PDB file of N, CA and C in Angstrom:
ATOM      1  N   MET A   1     -40.347 -27.155 -35.248  1.00  0.00           N
ATOM      2  CA  MET A   1     -40.958 -26.599 -34.065  1.00  0.00           C
ATOM      3  C   MET A   1     -41.388 -25.175 -34.365  1.00  0.00           C
ATOM      4  N   ARG A   2     -42.530 -24.823 -33.924  1.00  0.00           N
ATOM      5  CA  ARG A   2     -43.066 -23.494 -34.172  1.00  0.00           C
ATOM      6  C   ARG A   2     -42.833 -22.627 -32.949  1.00  0.00           C
ATOM      7  N   THR A   3     -42.298 -21.425 -33.163  1.00  0.00           N
ATOM      8  CA  THR A   3     -42.062 -20.491 -32.073  1.00  0.00           C
ATOM      9  C   THR A   3     -42.141 -19.077 -32.625  1.00  0.00           C
ATOM     10  N   THR A   4     -42.119 -18.093 -31.763  1.00  0.00           N
ATOM     11  CA  THR A   4     -42.172 -16.697 -32.183  1.00  0.00           C
ATOM     12  C   THR A   4     -40.838 -16.044 -31.881  1.00  0.00           C
ATOM     13  N   LEU A   5     -40.264 -15.405 -32.885  1.00  0.00           N
ATOM     14  CA  LEU A   5     -38.996 -14.702 -32.729  1.00  0.00           C
ATOM     15  C   LEU A   5     -39.139 -13.275 -33.234  1.00  0.00           C
ATOM     16  N   ASP A   6     -38.369 -12.370 -32.666  1.00  0.00           N
ATOM     17  CA  ASP A   6     -38.329 -10.987 -33.139  1.00  0.00           C
ATOM     18  C   ASP A   6     -37.109 -10.868 -34.052  1.00  0.00           C
ATOM     19  N   ILE A   7     -37.350 -10.879 -35.364  1.00  0.00           N
ATOM     20  CA  ILE A   7     -36.275 -10.828 -36.351  1.00  0.00           C
ATOM     21  C   ILE A   7     -36.330  -9.473 -37.044  1.00  0.00           C
ATOM     22  N   GLU A   8     -35.187  -8.852 -37.190  1.00  0.00           N
ATOM     23  CA  GLU A   8     -35.130  -7.550 -37.855  1.00  0.00           C
ATOM     24  C   GLU A   8     -35.691  -7.673 -39.273  1.00  0.00           C
ATOM     25  N   PRO A   9     -36.426  -6.667 -39.728  1.00  0.00           N
ATOM     26  CA  PRO A   9     -37.072  -6.737 -41.052  1.00  0.00           C
ATOM     27  C   PRO A   9     -36.112  -6.999 -42.208  1.00  0.00           C
ATOM     28  N   ASP A  10     -34.926  -6.396 -42.186  1.00  0.00           N
ATOM     29  CA  ASP A  10     -33.980  -6.601 -43.292  1.00  0.00           C
ATOM     30  C   ASP A  10     -33.449  -8.032 -43.310  1.00  0.00           C
ATOM     31  N   ILE A  11     -33.276  -8.628 -42.141  1.00  0.00           N
ATOM     32  CA  ILE A  11     -32.807 -10.008 -42.053  1.00  0.00           C
ATOM     33  C   ILE A  11     -33.889 -10.957 -42.565  1.00  0.00           C
ATOM     34  N   LEU A  12     -35.126 -10.712 -42.168  1.00  0.00           N
ATOM     35  CA  LEU A  12     -36.228 -11.544 -42.632  1.00  0.00           C
ATOM     36  C   LEU A  12     -36.379 -11.444 -44.147  1.00  0.00           C
ATOM     37  N   GLN A  13     -36.269 -10.236 -44.690  1.00  0.00           N
ATOM     38  CA  GLN A  13     -36.385 -10.062 -46.136  1.00  0.00           C
ATOM     39  C   GLN A  13     -35.272 -10.815 -46.867  1.00  0.00           C
ATOM     40  N   ALA A  14     -34.037 -10.706 -46.349  1.00  0.00           N
ATOM     41  CA  ALA A  14     -32.911 -11.421 -46.973  1.00  0.00           C
ATOM     42  C   ALA A  14     -33.143 -12.926 -46.924  1.00  0.00           C
ATOM     43  N   ALA A  15     -33.634 -13.427 -45.790  1.00  0.00           N
ATOM     44  CA  ALA A  15     -33.909 -14.860 -45.654  1.00  0.00           C
ATOM     45  C   ALA A  15     -34.989 -15.298 -46.632  1.00  0.00           C
ATOM     46  N   LYS A  16     -36.015 -14.474 -46.820  1.00  0.00           N
ATOM     47  CA  LYS A  16     -37.083 -14.808 -47.769  1.00  0.00           C
ATOM     48  C   LYS A  16     -36.554 -14.842 -49.200  1.00  0.00           C
ATOM     49  N   GLU A  17     -35.664 -13.914 -49.532  1.00  0.00           N
ATOM     50  CA  GLU A  17     -35.095 -13.894 -50.877  1.00  0.00           C
ATOM     51  C   GLU A  17     -34.230 -15.124 -51.135  1.00  0.00           C
ATOM     52  N   ILE A  18     -33.409 -15.487 -50.145  1.00  0.00           N
ATOM     53  CA  ILE A  18     -32.578 -16.692 -50.272  1.00  0.00           C
ATOM     54  C   ILE A  18     -33.483 -17.917 -50.394  1.00  0.00           C
ATOM     55  N   ALA A  19     -34.527 -17.959 -49.566  1.00  0.00           N
ATOM     56  CA  ALA A  19     -35.448 -19.098 -49.585  1.00  0.00           C
ATOM     57  C   ALA A  19     -36.113 -19.247 -50.949  1.00  0.00           C
ATOM     58  N   ALA A  20     -36.491 -18.132 -51.546  1.00  0.00           N
ATOM     59  CA  ALA A  20     -37.133 -18.197 -52.865  1.00  0.00           C
ATOM     60  C   ALA A  20     -36.166 -18.758 -53.904  1.00  0.00           C
ATOM     61  N   LYS A  21     -34.899 -18.327 -53.847  1.00  0.00           N
ATOM     62  CA  LYS A  21     -33.893 -18.820 -54.793  1.00  0.00           C
ATOM     63  C   LYS A  21     -33.625 -20.309 -54.586  1.00  0.00           C
ATOM     64  N   GLU A  22     -33.623 -20.737 -53.319  1.00  0.00           N
ATOM     65  CA  GLU A  22     -33.306 -22.129 -52.993  1.00  0.00           C
ATOM     66  C   GLU A  22     -34.543 -23.021 -52.949  1.00  0.00           C
ATOM     67  N   LYS A  23     -35.717 -22.419 -53.191  1.00  0.00           N
ATOM     68  CA  LYS A  23     -36.992 -23.159 -53.144  1.00  0.00           C
ATOM     69  C   LYS A  23     -37.167 -23.875 -51.805  1.00  0.00           C
ATOM     70  N   THR A  24     -37.012 -23.103 -50.737  1.00  0.00           N
ATOM     71  CA  THR A  24     -37.191 -23.612 -49.387  1.00  0.00           C
ATOM     72  C   THR A  24     -37.913 -22.544 -48.577  1.00  0.00           C
ATOM     73  N   THR A  25     -37.914 -22.664 -47.264  1.00  0.00           N
ATOM     74  CA  THR A  25     -38.602 -21.684 -46.427  1.00  0.00           C
ATOM     75  C   THR A  25     -37.601 -20.739 -45.768  1.00  0.00           C
ATOM     76  N   ALA A  26     -38.108 -19.567 -45.369  1.00  0.00           N
ATOM     77  CA  ALA A  26     -37.261 -18.611 -44.654  1.00  0.00           C
ATOM     78  C   ALA A  26     -36.786 -19.218 -43.330  1.00  0.00           C
ATOM     79  N   GLY A  27     -37.651 -19.991 -42.689  1.00  0.00           N
ATOM     80  CA  GLY A  27     -37.267 -20.651 -41.433  1.00  0.00           C
ATOM     81  C   GLY A  27     -36.105 -21.603 -41.625  1.00  0.00           C
ATOM     82  N   ALA A  28     -36.132 -22.358 -42.726  1.00  0.00           N
ATOM     83  CA  ALA A  28     -35.041 -23.299 -43.009  1.00  0.00           C
ATOM     84  C   ALA A  28     -33.738 -22.534 -43.275  1.00  0.00           C
ATOM     85  N   VAL A  29     -33.842 -21.425 -43.984  1.00  0.00           N
ATOM     86  CA  VAL A  29     -32.648 -20.616 -44.279  1.00  0.00           C
ATOM     87  C   VAL A  29     -32.068 -20.048 -42.994  1.00  0.00           C
ATOM     88  N   ILE A  30     -32.923 -19.473 -42.155  1.00  0.00           N
ATOM     89  CA  ILE A  30     -32.442 -18.885 -40.897  1.00  0.00           C
ATOM     90  C   ILE A  30     -31.844 -19.961 -39.997  1.00  0.00           C
ATOM     91  N   SER A  31     -32.468 -21.134 -39.946  1.00  0.00           N
ATOM     92  CA  SER A  31     -31.927 -22.229 -39.128  1.00  0.00           C
ATOM     93  C   SER A  31     -30.546 -22.646 -39.625  1.00  0.00           C
ATOM     94  N   ARG A  32     -30.402 -22.793 -40.958  1.00  0.00           N
ATOM     95  CA  ARG A  32     -29.111 -23.199 -41.530  1.00  0.00           C
ATOM     96  C   ARG A  32     -28.031 -22.163 -41.224  1.00  0.00           C
ATOM     97  N   LEU A  33     -28.364 -20.874 -41.401  1.00  0.00           N
ATOM     98  CA  LEU A  33     -27.373 -19.824 -41.151  1.00  0.00           C
ATOM     99  C   LEU A  33     -27.036 -19.713 -39.666  1.00  0.00           C
ATOM    100  N   ALA A  34     -28.015 -19.931 -38.800  1.00  0.00           N
ATOM    101  CA  ALA A  34     -27.750 -19.907 -37.351  1.00  0.00           C
ATOM    102  C   ALA A  34     -26.822 -21.049 -36.969  1.00  0.00           C
ATOM    103  N   ARG A  35     -27.082 -22.256 -37.524  1.00  0.00           N
ATOM    104  CA  ARG A  35     -26.199 -23.399 -37.249  1.00  0.00           C
ATOM    105  C   ARG A  35     -24.782 -23.111 -37.707  1.00  0.00           C
ATOM    106  N   LYS A  36     -24.677 -22.548 -38.914  1.00  0.00           N
ATOM    107  CA  LYS A  36     -23.361 -22.230 -39.464  1.00  0.00           C
ATOM    108  C   LYS A  36     -22.638 -21.213 -38.580  1.00  0.00           C
ATOM    109  N   GLY A  37     -23.370 -20.220 -38.100  1.00  0.00           N
ATOM    110  CA  GLY A  37     -22.779 -19.197 -37.234  1.00  0.00           C
ATOM    111  C   GLY A  37     -22.358 -19.729 -35.879  1.00  0.00           C
ATOM    112  N   MET A  38     -23.002 -20.782 -35.421  1.00  0.00           N
ATOM    113  CA  MET A  38     -22.672 -21.353 -34.114  1.00  0.00           C
ATOM    114  C   MET A  38     -21.675 -22.489 -34.189  1.00  0.00           C
ATOM    115  N   SER A  39     -21.285 -22.877 -35.415  1.00  0.00           N
ATOM    116  CA  SER A  39     -20.346 -23.993 -35.537  1.00  0.00           C
ATOM    117  C   SER A  39     -18.964 -23.564 -35.053  1.00  0.00           C
ATOM    118  N   PRO A  40     -18.208 -24.500 -34.508  1.00  0.00           N
ATOM    119  CA  PRO A  40     -16.883 -24.155 -33.988  1.00  0.00           C
ATOM    120  C   PRO A  40     -15.923 -23.752 -35.108  1.00  0.00           C
ATOM    121  N   GLU A  41     -14.886 -23.076 -34.708  1.00  0.00           N
ATOM    122  CA  GLU A  41     -13.832 -22.700 -35.653  1.00  0.00           C
ATOM    123  C   GLU A  41     -13.195 -23.977 -36.203  1.00  0.00           C
ATOM    124  N   PRO A  42     -12.649 -23.922 -37.414  1.00  0.00           N
ATOM    125  CA  PRO A  42     -12.016 -25.112 -37.978  1.00  0.00           C
ATOM    126  C   PRO A  42     -10.844 -25.598 -37.109  1.00  0.00           C
ATOM    127  N   ALA A  43     -10.634 -26.888 -37.115  1.00  0.00           N
ATOM    128  CA  ALA A  43      -9.516 -27.474 -36.366  1.00  0.00           C
ATOM    129  C   ALA A  43      -8.195 -27.065 -37.000  1.00  0.00           C
ATOM    130  N   ALA A  44      -7.122 -27.234 -36.262  1.00  0.00           N
ATOM    131  CA  ALA A  44      -5.789 -26.906 -36.782  1.00  0.00           C
ATOM    132  C   ALA A  44      -5.543 -27.657 -38.079  1.00  0.00           C
ATOM    133  N   GLY A  45      -5.042 -26.960 -39.071  1.00  0.00           N
ATOM    134  CA  GLY A  45      -4.758 -27.579 -40.352  1.00  0.00           C
ATOM    135  C   GLY A  45      -5.903 -27.455 -41.350  1.00  0.00           C
ATOM    136  N   GLU A  46      -7.107 -27.135 -40.863  1.00  0.00           N
ATOM    137  CA  GLU A  46      -8.242 -26.930 -41.765  1.00  0.00           C
ATOM    138  C   GLU A  46      -8.315 -25.462 -42.135  1.00  0.00           C
ATOM    139  N   SER A  47      -8.770 -25.185 -43.363  1.00  0.00           N
ATOM    140  CA  SER A  47      -8.895 -23.792 -43.754  1.00  0.00           C
ATOM    141  C   SER A  47     -10.207 -23.225 -43.281  1.00  0.00           C
ATOM    142  N   LYS A  48     -10.155 -21.966 -42.920  1.00  0.00           N
ATOM    143  CA  LYS A  48     -11.356 -21.243 -42.573  1.00  0.00           C
ATOM    144  C   LYS A  48     -11.943 -20.712 -43.878  1.00  0.00           C
ATOM    145  N   ILE A  49     -13.243 -20.696 -43.984  1.00  0.00           N
ATOM    146  CA  ILE A  49     -13.910 -20.209 -45.186  1.00  0.00           C
ATOM    147  C   ILE A  49     -14.614 -18.905 -44.825  1.00  0.00           C
ATOM    148  N   ARG A  50     -14.403 -17.874 -45.609  1.00  0.00           N
ATOM    149  CA  ARG A  50     -15.094 -16.606 -45.419  1.00  0.00           C
ATOM    150  C   ARG A  50     -15.707 -16.210 -46.747  1.00  0.00           C
ATOM    151  N   ASN A  51     -17.032 -16.044 -46.751  1.00  0.00           N
ATOM    152  CA  ASN A  51     -17.764 -15.697 -47.972  1.00  0.00           C
ATOM    153  C   ASN A  51     -17.498 -16.699 -49.087  1.00  0.00           C
ATOM    154  N   GLY A  52     -17.330 -17.967 -48.711  1.00  0.00           N
ATOM    155  CA  GLY A  52     -17.142 -19.017 -49.695  1.00  0.00           C
ATOM    156  C   GLY A  52     -15.725 -19.146 -50.222  1.00  0.00           C
ATOM    157  N   VAL A  53     -14.801 -18.354 -49.671  1.00  0.00           N
ATOM    158  CA  VAL A  53     -13.414 -18.370 -50.150  1.00  0.00           C
ATOM    159  C   VAL A  53     -12.507 -18.802 -48.999  1.00  0.00           C
ATOM    160  N   PRO A  54     -11.605 -19.772 -49.231  1.00  0.00           N
ATOM    161  CA  PRO A  54     -10.692 -20.178 -48.157  1.00  0.00           C
ATOM    162  C   PRO A  54      -9.789 -19.018 -47.738  1.00  0.00           C
ATOM    163  N   VAL A  55      -9.637 -18.849 -46.433  1.00  0.00           N
ATOM    164  CA  VAL A  55      -8.771 -17.808 -45.892  1.00  0.00           C
ATOM    165  C   VAL A  55      -7.395 -18.406 -45.677  1.00  0.00           C
ATOM    166  N   ILE A  56      -6.389 -17.780 -46.244  1.00  0.00           N
ATOM    167  CA  ILE A  56      -5.011 -18.260 -46.106  1.00  0.00           C
ATOM    168  C   ILE A  56      -4.475 -17.771 -44.766  1.00  0.00           C
ATOM    169  N   PRO A  57      -3.951 -18.674 -43.944  1.00  0.00           N
ATOM    170  CA  PRO A  57      -3.448 -18.246 -42.640  1.00  0.00           C
ATOM    171  C   PRO A  57      -2.249 -17.315 -42.782  1.00  0.00           C
ATOM    172  N   ALA A  58      -2.132 -16.409 -41.830  1.00  0.00           N
ATOM    173  CA  ALA A  58      -1.019 -15.460 -41.836  1.00  0.00           C
ATOM    174  C   ALA A  58       0.296 -16.204 -41.672  1.00  0.00           C
ATOM    175  N   SER A  59       1.313 -15.765 -42.431  1.00  0.00           N
ATOM    176  CA  SER A  59       2.626 -16.399 -42.351  1.00  0.00           C
ATOM    177  C   SER A  59       3.649 -15.476 -41.698  1.00  0.00           C
ATOM    178  N   GLY A  60       3.233 -14.270 -41.413  1.00  0.00           N
ATOM    179  CA  GLY A  60       4.161 -13.314 -40.831  1.00  0.00           C
ATOM    180  C   GLY A  60       4.871 -12.480 -41.877  1.00  0.00           C
ATOM    181  N   HIS A  61       4.679 -12.796 -43.166  1.00  0.00           N
ATOM    182  CA  HIS A  61       5.298 -12.030 -44.243  1.00  0.00           C
ATOM    183  C   HIS A  61       4.302 -11.008 -44.790  1.00  0.00           C
ATOM    184  N   ILE A  62       4.790  -9.845 -45.107  1.00  0.00           N
ATOM    185  CA  ILE A  62       3.945  -8.830 -45.721  1.00  0.00           C
ATOM    186  C   ILE A  62       4.058  -8.981 -47.229  1.00  0.00           C
ATOM    187  N   ILE A  63       2.917  -9.127 -47.885  1.00  0.00           N
ATOM    188  CA  ILE A  63       2.889  -9.265 -49.342  1.00  0.00           C
ATOM    189  C   ILE A  63       2.662  -7.885 -49.936  1.00  0.00           C
ATOM    190  N   THR A  64       3.599  -7.456 -50.750  1.00  0.00           N
ATOM    191  CA  THR A  64       3.510  -6.143 -51.370  1.00  0.00           C
ATOM    192  C   THR A  64       3.112  -6.276 -52.834  1.00  0.00           C
ATOM    193  N   LEU A  65       2.810  -5.161 -53.439  1.00  0.00           N
ATOM    194  CA  LEU A  65       2.479  -5.150 -54.854  1.00  0.00           C
ATOM    195  C   LEU A  65       3.660  -5.661 -55.680  1.00  0.00           C
ATOM    196  N   GLU A  66       4.867  -5.366 -55.244  1.00  0.00           N
ATOM    197  CA  GLU A  66       6.063  -5.842 -55.954  1.00  0.00           C
ATOM    198  C   GLU A  66       6.129  -7.369 -55.954  1.00  0.00           C
ATOM    199  N   HIS A  67       5.777  -7.983 -54.817  1.00  0.00           N
ATOM    200  CA  HIS A  67       5.743  -9.449 -54.750  1.00  0.00           C
ATOM    201  C   HIS A  67       4.751 -10.002 -55.768  1.00  0.00           C
ATOM    202  N   VAL A  68       3.573  -9.410 -55.791  1.00  0.00           N
ATOM    203  CA  VAL A  68       2.523  -9.873 -56.695  1.00  0.00           C
ATOM    204  C   VAL A  68       2.965  -9.710 -58.145  1.00  0.00           C
ATOM    205  N   GLN A  69       3.534  -8.544 -58.476  1.00  0.00           N
ATOM    206  CA  GLN A  69       3.976  -8.303 -59.852  1.00  0.00           C
ATOM    207  C   GLN A  69       5.084  -9.271 -60.261  1.00  0.00           C
ATOM    208  N   ARG A  70       6.012  -9.557 -59.354  1.00  0.00           N
ATOM    209  CA  ARG A  70       7.096 -10.500 -59.650  1.00  0.00           C
ATOM    210  C   ARG A  70       6.534 -11.890 -59.937  1.00  0.00           C
ATOM    211  N   LEU A  71       5.593 -12.335 -59.081  1.00  0.00           N
ATOM    212  CA  LEU A  71       4.983 -13.647 -59.316  1.00  0.00           C
ATOM    213  C   LEU A  71       4.171 -13.693 -60.615  1.00  0.00           C
ATOM    214  N   MET A  72       3.493 -12.597 -60.919  1.00  0.00           N
ATOM    215  CA  MET A  72       2.755 -12.548 -62.185  1.00  0.00           C
ATOM    216  C   MET A  72       3.695 -12.626 -63.365  1.00  0.00           C
ATOM    217  N   ASP A  73       4.851 -11.935 -63.281  1.00  0.00           N
ATOM    218  CA  ASP A  73       5.835 -11.994 -64.360  1.00  0.00           C
ATOM    219  C   ASP A  73       6.377 -13.420 -64.504  1.00  0.00           C
ATOM    220  N   GLU A  74       6.667 -14.074 -63.375  1.00  0.00           N
ATOM    221  CA  GLU A  74       7.170 -15.444 -63.400  1.00  0.00           C
ATOM    222  C   GLU A  74       6.162 -16.405 -64.007  1.00  0.00           C
ATOM    223  N   GLU A  75       4.873 -16.176 -63.742  1.00  0.00           N
ATOM    224  CA  GLU A  75       3.819 -17.054 -64.239  1.00  0.00           C
ATOM    225  C   GLU A  75       3.365 -16.669 -65.638  1.00  0.00           C
ATOM    226  N   GLY A  76       3.831 -15.525 -66.125  1.00  0.00           N
ATOM    227  CA  GLY A  76       3.433 -15.080 -67.465  1.00  0.00           C
ATOM    228  C   GLY A  76       2.005 -14.556 -67.522  1.00  0.00           C
ATOM    229  N   ILE A  77       1.574 -14.000 -66.430  1.00  0.00           N
ATOM    230  CA  ILE A  77       0.201 -13.467 -66.364  1.00  0.00           C
ATOM    231  C   ILE A  77       0.209 -11.983 -66.679  1.00  0.00           C
TER     232      ILE A  77
END
């Protein structure tokens, strides 16, 4: 469907760059990102994805550098 929208110049430029990389149109890119932005939050038990990386739900524990170093030592990293 053809329509007229007022899109900020930086957003349009980013969409055009993504479209060129994906060999598609800026309209298709903007539509896909709009759909993704309007999709509901994941259901209970599903991981949320942020920037392509699964977000680990909070457990109520504070992870310190000492915790990380201990686990690295245990894993031999």
